[in-house]
């Protein structure tokens, strides 16, 4: 079986290429935007930017399964284009163009890595599951939902099956964006105001996500299904911080700041998004993946957090502490 992973130089794509080449007999390749990418464990095919006019023909030759990881996040855009336009060009138009070309090339399965943000940014009573009504709250999540809907329409009654995966925060020592900021904050020993925060957060370790994606490549029951996946154990922010501090050989210094004060302070300084990420609950029910595909995460949440904390090197992350 021949597998193509888009975004082969990215955080998830690189890990997935590593797993597929090391643990299977698949013929694996990836795509990259640049003509001279860094060395990779699998061949990388330059395709340029992912958009409506991208020519994927060279990458799709003989491919059986496409895993579409490449996406535009909330990063700076080029001159003359807005963030919203870039999100739609890459995440919607680019995804559907790739799916059309994959269908024409005879690809048998298209796996799309979406986001739990499609469901919303937080949960109150019930966890998110595959039946939850989508309620995206930012443009990135809206673009992912639009791509999901477009794929379902495009691939209905065709020979190419789809699989849609919505992960929550994907973490590892070298994760991009917010998780290394938390790691660096913990490593610094600075007191953190989470002692009274009694929330629940679902996350998924990078190793667990790539394991689940690899399962979906060939499992017959994954065809034309949507999955929400997580480590299967939900922790409060204070528990996460404590586990990370222990993994670094220290002890978390958690201040007993009331939630209402945290919420008020975040609103006063325009950091509501940070408050939501650190203090609100976001719980995912991943039982469908476990029952339908008989999937068990290879790492427990505690093992994965321990591994992340032990592997983290603050000097490698010049990101400033949260302000």
Protein backbone atom coordinates (compact mmCIF):
# COMPACT_ATOMS: atom_id res chain seq x y z
CA UNK A 1 0.00 0.00 0.00
CA UNK A 2 1.28 3.45 -0.93
CA UNK A 3 0.60 6.30 1.52
CA UNK A 4 0.92 10.06 0.96
CA UNK A 5 1.16 12.40 3.96
CA UNK A 6 0.69 16.09 3.21
CA UNK A 7 2.56 18.55 5.39
CA UNK A 8 5.38 16.07 5.76
CA UNK A 9 7.73 18.57 7.42
CA UNK A 10 5.19 19.74 10.00
CA UNK A 11 4.75 18.74 13.62
CA UNK A 12 2.19 15.97 13.05
CA UNK A 13 3.22 15.06 9.51
CA UNK A 14 6.85 14.43 10.42
CA UNK A 15 5.86 12.19 13.35
CA UNK A 16 3.42 10.26 11.18
CA UNK A 17 6.03 9.69 8.48
CA UNK A 18 8.39 8.41 11.15
CA UNK A 19 5.85 5.93 12.50
CA UNK A 20 4.73 4.64 9.10
CA UNK A 21 8.23 4.11 7.79
CA UNK A 22 9.49 2.49 11.00
CA UNK A 23 6.61 0.18 11.87
CA UNK A 24 4.92 -0.85 8.62
CA UNK A 25 5.64 -2.21 5.18
CA UNK A 26 3.91 0.73 3.50
CA UNK A 27 5.54 2.73 0.76
CA UNK A 28 5.39 6.19 2.30
CA UNK A 29 6.04 9.68 0.95
CA UNK A 30 5.23 13.20 2.08
CA UNK A 31 4.68 16.59 0.56
CA UNK A 32 6.37 19.87 1.35
CA UNK A 33 5.95 23.47 0.28
CA UNK A 34 9.66 24.06 -0.39
CA UNK A 35 11.95 22.60 -3.03
CA UNK A 36 14.82 22.02 -0.62
CA UNK A 37 13.34 20.64 2.63
CA UNK A 38 15.33 19.35 5.55
CA UNK A 39 16.31 15.64 5.49
CA UNK A 40 13.37 13.32 6.10
CA UNK A 41 12.81 9.64 6.88
CA UNK A 42 10.63 9.41 3.75
CA UNK A 43 10.80 10.99 0.28
CA UNK A 44 9.34 14.50 0.19
CA UNK A 45 7.67 15.85 -2.93
CA UNK A 46 7.55 19.66 -3.31
CA UNK A 47 4.08 20.90 -4.28
CA UNK A 48 4.15 24.55 -3.22
CA UNK A 49 1.33 26.12 -1.27
CA UNK A 50 -1.86 24.15 -0.71
CA UNK A 51 -4.60 26.02 -2.56
CA UNK A 52 -7.25 25.56 -5.25
CA UNK A 53 -4.67 25.52 -8.07
CA UNK A 54 -2.05 23.23 -6.53
CA UNK A 55 -0.98 20.44 -8.88
CA UNK A 56 -0.77 17.23 -6.82
CA UNK A 57 -0.31 14.87 -9.77
CA UNK A 58 3.34 14.00 -9.10
CA UNK A 59 2.60 13.23 -5.45
CA UNK A 60 -0.54 11.18 -6.14
CA UNK A 61 0.90 8.69 -8.62
CA UNK A 62 -0.02 5.18 -7.47
CA UNK A 63 -1.19 6.37 -4.03
CA UNK A 64 -3.78 4.31 -2.17
CA UNK A 65 -4.34 6.51 0.90
CA UNK A 66 -3.89 10.25 1.43
CA UNK A 67 -3.50 11.60 4.95
CA UNK A 68 -4.12 15.34 4.70
CA UNK A 69 -2.34 17.00 7.60
CA UNK A 70 -1.22 20.25 5.94
CA UNK A 71 -3.21 23.29 7.05
CA UNK A 72 -2.96 27.00 7.57
CA UNK A 73 -3.00 27.98 11.24
CA UNK A 74 -3.21 31.44 12.80
CA UNK A 75 0.13 32.55 11.40
CA UNK A 76 1.09 35.71 9.49
CA UNK A 77 -0.12 35.85 5.91
CA UNK A 78 1.46 37.34 2.84
CA UNK A 79 0.92 40.94 1.73
CA UNK A 80 -2.48 41.76 0.30
CA UNK A 81 -4.30 38.77 1.81
CA UNK A 82 -6.30 38.60 5.02
CA UNK A 83 -6.10 35.87 7.62
CA UNK A 84 -9.63 34.74 6.77
CA UNK A 85 -8.85 34.57 3.04
CA UNK A 86 -5.71 32.51 3.67
CA UNK A 87 -7.58 30.10 5.93
CA UNK A 88 -10.19 29.50 3.25
CA UNK A 89 -7.65 29.26 0.41
CA UNK A 90 -5.63 26.59 2.21
CA UNK A 91 -7.98 24.75 4.53
CA UNK A 92 -11.10 24.71 2.35
CA UNK A 93 -10.20 25.29 -1.31
CA UNK A 94 -6.86 23.50 -1.01
CA UNK A 95 -8.35 20.49 0.77
CA UNK A 96 -11.18 20.04 -1.72
CA UNK A 97 -8.84 20.48 -4.70
CA UNK A 98 -6.59 17.75 -3.30
CA UNK A 99 -9.60 15.48 -2.71
CA UNK A 100 -10.85 15.97 -6.29
CA UNK A 101 -7.44 15.14 -7.73
CA UNK A 102 -7.08 12.17 -5.38
CA UNK A 103 -10.46 10.84 -6.47
CA UNK A 104 -9.49 11.19 -10.13
CA UNK A 105 -6.18 9.43 -9.45
CA UNK A 106 -7.91 6.38 -7.97
CA UNK A 107 -7.00 6.94 -4.32
CA UNK A 108 -9.03 4.61 -2.11
CA UNK A 109 -9.12 6.55 1.19
CA UNK A 110 -8.76 10.20 2.19
CA UNK A 111 -7.98 10.90 5.86
CA UNK A 112 -8.56 14.50 6.91
CA UNK A 113 -7.08 15.88 10.13
CA UNK A 114 -9.58 18.43 11.38
CA UNK A 115 -9.90 19.96 14.87
CA UNK A 116 -12.10 19.61 17.94
CA UNK A 117 -12.53 23.38 17.59
CA UNK A 118 -15.24 22.47 15.07
CA UNK A 119 -17.33 21.48 18.09
CA UNK A 120 -16.46 24.57 20.12
CA UNK A 121 -13.88 25.96 22.51
CA UNK A 122 -15.25 24.54 25.77
CA UNK A 123 -17.72 22.11 27.27
CA UNK A 124 -20.10 22.74 30.14
CA UNK A 125 -21.97 19.55 31.04
CA UNK A 126 -21.68 16.88 28.35
CA UNK A 127 -18.44 16.03 26.54
CA UNK A 128 -18.13 16.53 22.81
CA UNK A 129 -18.75 13.44 20.71
CA UNK A 130 -19.38 12.65 17.06
CA UNK A 131 -23.08 13.53 17.42
CA UNK A 132 -22.50 16.95 18.97
CA UNK A 133 -23.76 19.89 16.92
CA UNK A 134 -20.79 21.82 15.49
CA UNK A 135 -20.30 25.25 17.04
CA UNK A 136 -16.93 26.64 15.88
CA UNK A 137 -15.95 29.91 17.54
CA UNK A 138 -13.04 31.09 15.40
CA UNK A 139 -12.21 31.30 11.70
CA UNK A 140 -9.73 28.41 11.80
CA UNK A 141 -12.35 26.03 13.19
CA UNK A 142 -14.95 27.35 10.74
CA UNK A 143 -12.61 26.65 7.84
CA UNK A 144 -12.09 23.09 9.08
CA UNK A 145 -15.85 22.53 9.37
CA UNK A 146 -16.39 23.89 5.85
CA UNK A 147 -13.73 21.50 4.54
CA UNK A 148 -15.36 18.57 6.35
CA UNK A 149 -18.74 19.35 4.84
CA UNK A 150 -17.24 19.80 1.39
CA UNK A 151 -15.50 16.43 1.61
CA UNK A 152 -18.68 14.64 2.63
CA UNK A 153 -20.56 16.11 -0.32
CA UNK A 154 -17.74 15.56 -2.81
CA UNK A 155 -17.09 11.95 -1.82
CA UNK A 156 -20.67 10.78 -1.30
CA UNK A 157 -21.36 7.68 -3.42
CA UNK A 158 -17.80 7.56 -4.79
CA UNK A 159 -15.13 4.86 -4.66
CA UNK A 160 -12.93 6.94 -2.33
CA UNK A 161 -13.77 6.67 1.37
CA UNK A 162 -13.08 9.48 3.81
CA UNK A 163 -12.06 9.51 7.47
CA UNK A 164 -12.33 12.72 9.50
CA UNK A 165 -10.39 13.02 12.76
CA UNK A 166 -10.95 15.88 15.22
CA UNK A 167 -8.19 15.91 17.84
CA UNK A 168 -8.05 18.30 20.82
CA UNK A 169 -4.69 19.84 21.78
CA UNK A 170 -1.88 17.63 20.45
CA UNK A 171 1.07 17.77 22.82
CA UNK A 172 4.72 16.77 23.02
CA UNK A 173 7.92 18.40 24.23
CA UNK A 174 8.42 20.00 20.80
CA UNK A 175 4.78 20.93 20.19
CA UNK A 176 4.17 24.29 18.51
CA UNK A 177 2.33 27.27 19.94
CA UNK A 178 0.77 27.08 23.42
CA UNK A 179 2.01 23.84 24.98
CA UNK A 180 5.73 24.77 25.04
CA UNK A 181 4.75 28.04 26.68
CA UNK A 182 3.15 26.06 29.50
CA UNK A 183 6.20 23.80 29.68
CA UNK A 184 8.52 26.78 29.91
CA UNK A 185 6.33 28.38 32.56
CA UNK A 186 6.45 25.18 34.63
CA UNK A 187 10.21 24.80 34.12
CA UNK A 188 10.80 28.36 35.32
CA UNK A 189 9.40 27.58 38.78
CA UNK A 190 7.22 30.71 38.70
CA UNK A 191 4.09 30.38 40.88
CA UNK A 192 0.99 29.69 38.81
CA UNK A 193 -2.55 30.78 39.72
CA UNK A 194 -4.31 27.45 39.10
CA UNK A 195 -4.66 26.06 42.62
CA UNK A 196 -8.45 26.50 42.69
CA UNK A 197 -9.17 25.73 39.02
CA UNK A 198 -11.33 22.60 38.91
CA UNK A 199 -11.69 22.15 35.17
CA UNK A 200 -11.27 19.12 32.90
CA UNK A 201 -9.18 19.12 29.72
CA UNK A 202 -8.98 16.42 27.07
CA UNK A 203 -5.70 16.32 25.16
CA UNK A 204 -3.93 13.80 22.97
CA UNK A 205 -0.25 12.96 22.94
CA UNK A 206 1.43 13.21 19.55
CA UNK A 207 2.35 9.51 19.75
CA UNK A 208 -1.27 8.57 20.42
CA UNK A 209 -2.61 10.65 17.55
CA UNK A 210 -0.23 9.22 14.95
CA UNK A 211 -1.02 5.73 16.25
CA UNK A 212 -4.72 6.35 15.68
CA UNK A 213 -4.14 7.82 12.21
CA UNK A 214 -2.06 4.77 11.29
CA UNK A 215 -4.93 2.52 12.42
CA UNK A 216 -7.40 4.45 10.23
CA UNK A 217 -5.29 3.91 7.13
CA UNK A 218 -6.31 0.29 6.69
CA UNK A 219 -9.09 -0.50 9.18
CA UNK A 220 -12.23 -1.29 7.17
CA UNK A 221 -14.58 0.05 9.86
CA UNK A 222 -12.98 3.52 9.69
CA UNK A 223 -14.33 4.18 6.19
CA UNK A 224 -16.64 7.20 5.95
CA UNK A 225 -16.50 7.84 9.69
CA UNK A 226 -15.87 10.83 11.93
CA UNK A 227 -13.81 10.39 15.10
CA UNK A 228 -13.05 12.52 18.14
CA UNK A 229 -9.98 11.13 19.90
CA UNK A 230 -8.06 11.85 23.07
CA UNK A 231 -5.77 10.17 25.59
CA UNK A 232 -8.92 8.94 27.32
CA UNK A 233 -8.12 10.61 30.66
CA UNK A 234 -9.19 14.16 31.40
CA UNK A 235 -7.15 16.30 33.79
CA UNK A 236 -7.51 19.70 35.38
CA UNK A 237 -4.96 22.38 34.53
CA UNK A 238 -3.52 22.05 38.05
CA UNK A 239 -3.10 18.28 37.54
CA UNK A 240 -1.39 18.82 34.19
CA UNK A 241 0.98 21.38 35.70
CA UNK A 242 1.73 19.08 38.65
CA UNK A 243 2.51 16.14 36.37
CA UNK A 244 4.82 18.29 34.23
CA UNK A 245 6.59 19.71 37.26
CA UNK A 246 7.16 16.21 38.65
CA UNK A 247 8.55 15.08 35.30
CA UNK A 248 11.06 17.93 35.49
CA UNK A 249 12.15 16.93 38.97
CA UNK A 250 10.34 19.74 40.77
CA UNK A 251 7.07 20.57 42.43
CA UNK A 252 4.31 22.79 41.10
CA UNK A 253 3.78 26.07 42.95
CA UNK A 254 0.03 26.60 42.59
CA UNK A 255 -1.56 29.73 44.05
CA UNK A 256 -5.21 29.52 45.22
CA UNK A 257 -6.63 32.23 42.94
CA UNK A 258 -10.47 32.06 42.58
CA UNK A 259 -11.80 31.30 39.11
CA UNK A 260 -13.94 34.46 39.03
CA UNK A 261 -10.86 36.58 39.64
CA UNK A 262 -8.94 34.80 36.88
CA UNK A 263 -11.86 35.34 34.50
CA UNK A 264 -12.19 39.02 35.44
CA UNK A 265 -8.46 39.63 35.12
CA UNK A 266 -8.34 37.95 31.70
CA UNK A 267 -11.19 40.14 30.48
CA UNK A 268 -9.51 43.29 31.78
CA UNK A 269 -6.29 42.60 29.83
CA UNK A 270 -7.90 41.11 26.73
CA UNK A 271 -6.70 37.55 27.40
CA UNK A 272 -10.06 35.74 27.34
CA UNK A 273 -8.71 33.18 24.90
CA UNK A 274 -5.83 32.31 27.23
CA UNK A 275 -8.24 32.04 30.15
CA UNK A 276 -10.45 29.67 28.15
CA UNK A 277 -7.48 27.50 27.17
CA UNK A 278 -6.10 27.27 30.70
CA UNK A 279 -9.16 27.41 32.92
CA UNK A 280 -12.27 26.30 31.01
CA UNK A 281 -13.21 22.67 30.48
CA UNK A 282 -13.00 20.90 27.14
CA UNK A 283 -13.85 17.21 27.35
CA UNK A 284 -13.91 14.77 24.44
CA UNK A 285 -15.66 11.40 24.42
CA UNK A 286 -13.40 9.10 22.39
CA UNK A 287 -15.36 5.91 23.05
CA UNK A 288 -16.35 5.52 19.39
CA UNK A 289 -12.70 5.05 18.39
CA UNK A 290 -12.28 2.49 21.15
CA UNK A 291 -15.40 0.46 20.41
CA UNK A 292 -15.60 0.65 16.61
CA UNK A 293 -11.88 0.29 15.90
CA UNK A 294 -10.81 -1.39 19.16
CA UNK A 295 -8.24 1.38 19.63
CA UNK A 296 -6.33 1.88 22.86
CA UNK A 297 -3.85 4.78 23.16
CA UNK A 298 -0.33 3.31 23.39
CA UNK A 299 0.64 5.91 26.02
CA UNK A 300 -1.37 6.88 29.07
CA UNK A 301 -1.79 10.59 29.68
CA UNK A 302 0.57 10.40 32.66
CA UNK A 303 3.23 8.58 30.61
CA UNK A 304 2.95 11.09 27.79
CA UNK A 305 3.17 14.11 30.10
CA UNK A 306 6.17 12.55 31.85
CA UNK A 307 7.86 12.02 28.50
CA UNK A 308 7.07 15.60 27.41
CA UNK A 309 8.45 17.14 30.58
CA UNK A 310 11.61 15.05 30.57
CA UNK A 311 12.35 15.85 26.92
CA UNK A 312 11.66 19.59 27.19
CA UNK A 313 14.66 21.90 26.98
CA UNK A 314 13.79 25.54 27.84
CA UNK A 315 16.81 26.87 25.94
CA UNK A 316 15.29 25.52 22.73
CA UNK A 317 12.16 27.64 23.19
CA UNK A 318 12.76 31.41 23.37
CA UNK A 319 9.01 31.96 23.70
CA UNK A 320 8.36 34.47 26.52
CA UNK A 321 6.34 33.47 29.54
CA UNK A 322 2.59 34.15 29.36
CA UNK A 323 1.91 37.81 30.14
